[in-house]
Amino acid sequence: MATEMTPGTWLKIGFYTGLLLVLLGVLEPLRGALSVVFGSFLIASVTYRYKDPQHTYYLIAALLIFIGAAVLWIRYYFSGVDLETALLKSWGILILAYPIGWLFILVLLFVRLFWMKNF
């Protein structure tokens, strides 16, 4: 009695796994950024694969998270915990892409839960 998993089931599994990674990765901003990046790209790829109407917004959020996390890692590599050395303070502005992308994913989640009742 093996049951086949439908594409909708795979969409839900991939979406919720990516969402779990995004939410758990926020607990540790520097080391958890890898989890957030992987989870956001998992959500973006699953929604693109199954032709979700909002897949471009998920991709934009994933790219914002990737840019912000990359700048965060670069800044940490050069200056460590001390924020006053090695890099200009303007690099801090580029790190804002990380929380903006994370909040963008949360907004898309709330849109999906409260306005798009079919998921």
C-alpha atoms as a PDB file:
ATOM      1  CA  MET A   1       0.000   0.000   0.000  1.00  0.00           C
ATOM      2  CA  ALA A   2       2.570   2.521  -1.076  1.00  0.00           C
ATOM      3  CA  THR A   3       1.041   5.900  -1.676  1.00  0.00           C
ATOM      4  CA  GLU A   4       2.547   8.289  -4.167  1.00  0.00           C
ATOM      5  CA  MET A   5       3.429  11.746  -2.948  1.00  0.00           C
ATOM      6  CA  THR A   6       1.824  14.416  -5.074  1.00  0.00           C
ATOM      7  CA  PRO A   7       3.706  17.517  -6.225  1.00  0.00           C
ATOM      8  CA  GLY A   8       1.640  19.562  -3.797  1.00  0.00           C
ATOM      9  CA  THR A   9       2.924  17.434  -0.940  1.00  0.00           C
ATOM     10  CA  TRP A  10       6.529  17.977  -2.036  1.00  0.00           C
ATOM     11  CA  LEU A  11       5.817  21.707  -2.244  1.00  0.00           C
ATOM     12  CA  LYS A  12       4.550  21.770   1.319  1.00  0.00           C
ATOM     13  CA  ILE A  13       7.436  19.667   2.663  1.00  0.00           C
ATOM     14  CA  GLY A  14      10.067  21.823   0.939  1.00  0.00           C
ATOM     15  CA  PHE A  15       8.332  25.054   1.888  1.00  0.00           C
ATOM     16  CA  TYR A  16       7.943  24.155   5.561  1.00  0.00           C
ATOM     17  CA  THR A  17      11.487  22.769   5.793  1.00  0.00           C
ATOM     18  CA  GLY A  18      12.876  25.993   4.334  1.00  0.00           C
ATOM     19  CA  LEU A  19      10.696  28.047   6.647  1.00  0.00           C
ATOM     20  CA  LEU A  20      11.916  26.067   9.648  1.00  0.00           C
ATOM     21  CA  LEU A  21      15.537  26.665   8.611  1.00  0.00           C
ATOM     22  CA  VAL A  22      14.864  30.387   8.174  1.00  0.00           C
ATOM     23  CA  LEU A  23      13.233  30.686  11.581  1.00  0.00           C
ATOM     24  CA  LEU A  24      15.832  28.590  13.442  1.00  0.00           C
ATOM     25  CA  GLY A  25      18.760  30.352  11.801  1.00  0.00           C
ATOM     26  CA  VAL A  26      17.795  33.664  13.340  1.00  0.00           C
ATOM     27  CA  LEU A  27      18.632  32.418  16.812  1.00  0.00           C
ATOM     28  CA  GLU A  28      22.350  32.839  16.088  1.00  0.00           C
ATOM     29  CA  PRO A  29      22.865  35.719  13.625  1.00  0.00           C
ATOM     30  CA  LEU A  30      26.391  34.908  12.453  1.00  0.00           C
ATOM     31  CA  ARG A  31      26.476  31.114  12.391  1.00  0.00           C
ATOM     32  CA  GLY A  32      22.774  30.743  11.723  1.00  0.00           C
ATOM     33  CA  ALA A  33      23.034  32.876   8.604  1.00  0.00           C
ATOM     34  CA  LEU A  34      24.043  29.788   6.648  1.00  0.00           C
ATOM     35  CA  SER A  35      20.810  28.090   7.703  1.00  0.00           C
ATOM     36  CA  VAL A  36      18.792  31.166   6.750  1.00  0.00           C
ATOM     37  CA  VAL A  37      20.484  31.382   3.346  1.00  0.00           C
ATOM     38  CA  PHE A  38      19.927  27.687   2.630  1.00  0.00           C
ATOM     39  CA  GLY A  39      16.315  27.815   3.835  1.00  0.00           C
ATOM     40  CA  SER A  40      15.464  30.899   1.813  1.00  0.00           C
ATOM     41  CA  PHE A  41      16.929  29.403  -1.366  1.00  0.00           C
ATOM     42  CA  LEU A  42      15.067  26.154  -0.652  1.00  0.00           C
ATOM     43  CA  ILE A  43      11.809  28.089  -0.414  1.00  0.00           C
ATOM     44  CA  ALA A  44      12.625  30.042  -3.584  1.00  0.00           C
ATOM     45  CA  SER A  45      13.527  26.910  -5.555  1.00  0.00           C
ATOM     46  CA  VAL A  46      10.489  24.924  -4.408  1.00  0.00           C
ATOM     47  CA  THR A  47       8.091  27.754  -5.192  1.00  0.00           C
ATOM     48  CA  TYR A  48       9.731  28.237  -8.599  1.00  0.00           C
ATOM     49  CA  ARG A  49       9.596  24.516  -9.367  1.00  0.00           C
ATOM     50  CA  TYR A  50       5.891  24.310  -8.635  1.00  0.00           C
ATOM     51  CA  LYS A  51       5.059  27.638 -10.283  1.00  0.00           C
ATOM     52  CA  ASP A  52       3.851  29.513  -7.239  1.00  0.00           C
ATOM     53  CA  PRO A  53       2.571  32.986  -8.182  1.00  0.00           C
ATOM     54  CA  GLN A  54       4.935  34.630  -5.680  1.00  0.00           C
ATOM     55  CA  HIS A  55       8.125  32.777  -6.632  1.00  0.00           C
ATOM     56  CA  THR A  56       9.880  35.931  -7.859  1.00  0.00           C
ATOM     57  CA  TYR A  57       9.347  37.606  -4.499  1.00  0.00           C
ATOM     58  CA  TYR A  58      10.829  34.613  -2.704  1.00  0.00           C
ATOM     59  CA  LEU A  59      13.828  34.754  -5.026  1.00  0.00           C
ATOM     60  CA  ILE A  60      14.306  38.465  -4.312  1.00  0.00           C
ATOM     61  CA  ALA A  61      14.150  37.768  -0.566  1.00  0.00           C
ATOM     62  CA  ALA A  62      16.665  34.916  -0.920  1.00  0.00           C
ATOM     63  CA  LEU A  63      19.066  37.144  -2.858  1.00  0.00           C
ATOM     64  CA  LEU A  64      18.764  39.890  -0.248  1.00  0.00           C
ATOM     65  CA  ILE A  65      19.514  37.395   2.496  1.00  0.00           C
ATOM     66  CA  PHE A  66      22.496  36.019   0.569  1.00  0.00           C
ATOM     67  CA  ILE A  67      23.964  39.490  -0.022  1.00  0.00           C
ATOM     68  CA  GLY A  68      23.482  40.527   3.599  1.00  0.00           C
ATOM     69  CA  ALA A  69      24.919  37.270   4.961  1.00  0.00           C
ATOM     70  CA  ALA A  70      27.917  37.430   2.611  1.00  0.00           C
ATOM     71  CA  VAL A  71      28.696  40.980   3.738  1.00  0.00           C
ATOM     72  CA  LEU A  72      28.239  39.896   7.360  1.00  0.00           C
ATOM     73  CA  TRP A  73      30.732  37.045   6.910  1.00  0.00           C
ATOM     74  CA  ILE A  74      33.216  39.257   5.054  1.00  0.00           C
ATOM     75  CA  ARG A  75      33.030  41.909   7.734  1.00  0.00           C
ATOM     76  CA  TYR A  76      33.483  39.323  10.473  1.00  0.00           C
ATOM     77  CA  TYR A  77      36.427  37.759   8.618  1.00  0.00           C
ATOM     78  CA  PHE A  78      38.308  41.049   8.384  1.00  0.00           C
ATOM     79  CA  SER A  79      37.407  42.669  11.670  1.00  0.00           C
ATOM     80  CA  GLY A  80      36.220  39.894  13.961  1.00  0.00           C
ATOM     81  CA  VAL A  81      34.014  41.030  16.781  1.00  0.00           C
ATOM     82  CA  ASP A  82      35.659  44.459  16.883  1.00  0.00           C
ATOM     83  CA  LEU A  83      33.559  46.604  14.582  1.00  0.00           C
ATOM     84  CA  GLU A  84      35.961  49.541  14.585  1.00  0.00           C
ATOM     85  CA  THR A  85      38.788  47.914  12.636  1.00  0.00           C
ATOM     86  CA  ALA A  86      39.618  46.923   9.087  1.00  0.00           C
ATOM     87  CA  LEU A  87      36.472  47.952   7.220  1.00  0.00           C
ATOM     88  CA  LEU A  88      34.530  51.123   6.694  1.00  0.00           C
ATOM     89  CA  LYS A  89      31.339  51.653   8.606  1.00  0.00           C
ATOM     90  CA  SER A  90      29.447  51.868   5.342  1.00  0.00           C
ATOM     91  CA  TRP A  91      29.662  48.075   5.110  1.00  0.00           C
ATOM     92  CA  GLY A  92      27.087  48.031   7.883  1.00  0.00           C
ATOM     93  CA  ILE A  93      24.501  49.398   5.488  1.00  0.00           C
ATOM     94  CA  LEU A  94      24.951  46.394   3.195  1.00  0.00           C
ATOM     95  CA  ILE A  95      24.333  44.048   6.122  1.00  0.00           C
ATOM     96  CA  LEU A  96      20.804  45.473   6.318  1.00  0.00           C
ATOM     97  CA  ALA A  97      19.889  43.360   3.295  1.00  0.00           C
ATOM     98  CA  TYR A  98      19.949  40.305   5.590  1.00  0.00           C
ATOM     99  CA  PRO A  99      17.183  41.367   8.007  1.00  0.00           C
ATOM    100  CA  ILE A 100      15.210  43.047   5.219  1.00  0.00           C
ATOM    101  CA  GLY A 101      15.162  39.790   3.241  1.00  0.00           C
ATOM    102  CA  TRP A 102      14.241  37.836   6.363  1.00  0.00           C
ATOM    103  CA  LEU A 103      11.345  40.185   7.121  1.00  0.00           C
ATOM    104  CA  PHE A 104      10.304  40.003   3.472  1.00  0.00           C
ATOM    105  CA  ILE A 105       9.983  36.218   3.779  1.00  0.00           C
ATOM    106  CA  LEU A 106       7.866  36.670   6.909  1.00  0.00           C
ATOM    107  CA  VAL A 107       5.596  39.135   5.103  1.00  0.00           C
ATOM    108  CA  LEU A 108       5.213  36.688   2.221  1.00  0.00           C
ATOM    109  CA  LEU A 109       4.385  33.964   4.735  1.00  0.00           C
ATOM    110  CA  PHE A 110       1.659  36.090   6.316  1.00  0.00           C
ATOM    111  CA  VAL A 111       0.291  36.923   2.887  1.00  0.00           C
ATOM    112  CA  ARG A 112       0.166  33.220   2.108  1.00  0.00           C
ATOM    113  CA  LEU A 113      -1.489  32.319   5.404  1.00  0.00           C
ATOM    114  CA  PHE A 114      -4.096  35.060   5.631  1.00  0.00           C
ATOM    115  CA  TRP A 115      -4.863  36.154   2.072  1.00  0.00           C
ATOM    116  CA  MET A 116      -4.111  33.069   0.009  1.00  0.00           C
ATOM    117  CA  LYS A 117      -6.253  30.482   1.778  1.00  0.00           C
ATOM    118  CA  ASN A 118      -5.578  27.700  -0.759  1.00  0.00           C
ATOM    119  CA  PHE A 119      -2.158  26.644   0.609  1.00  0.00           C
END
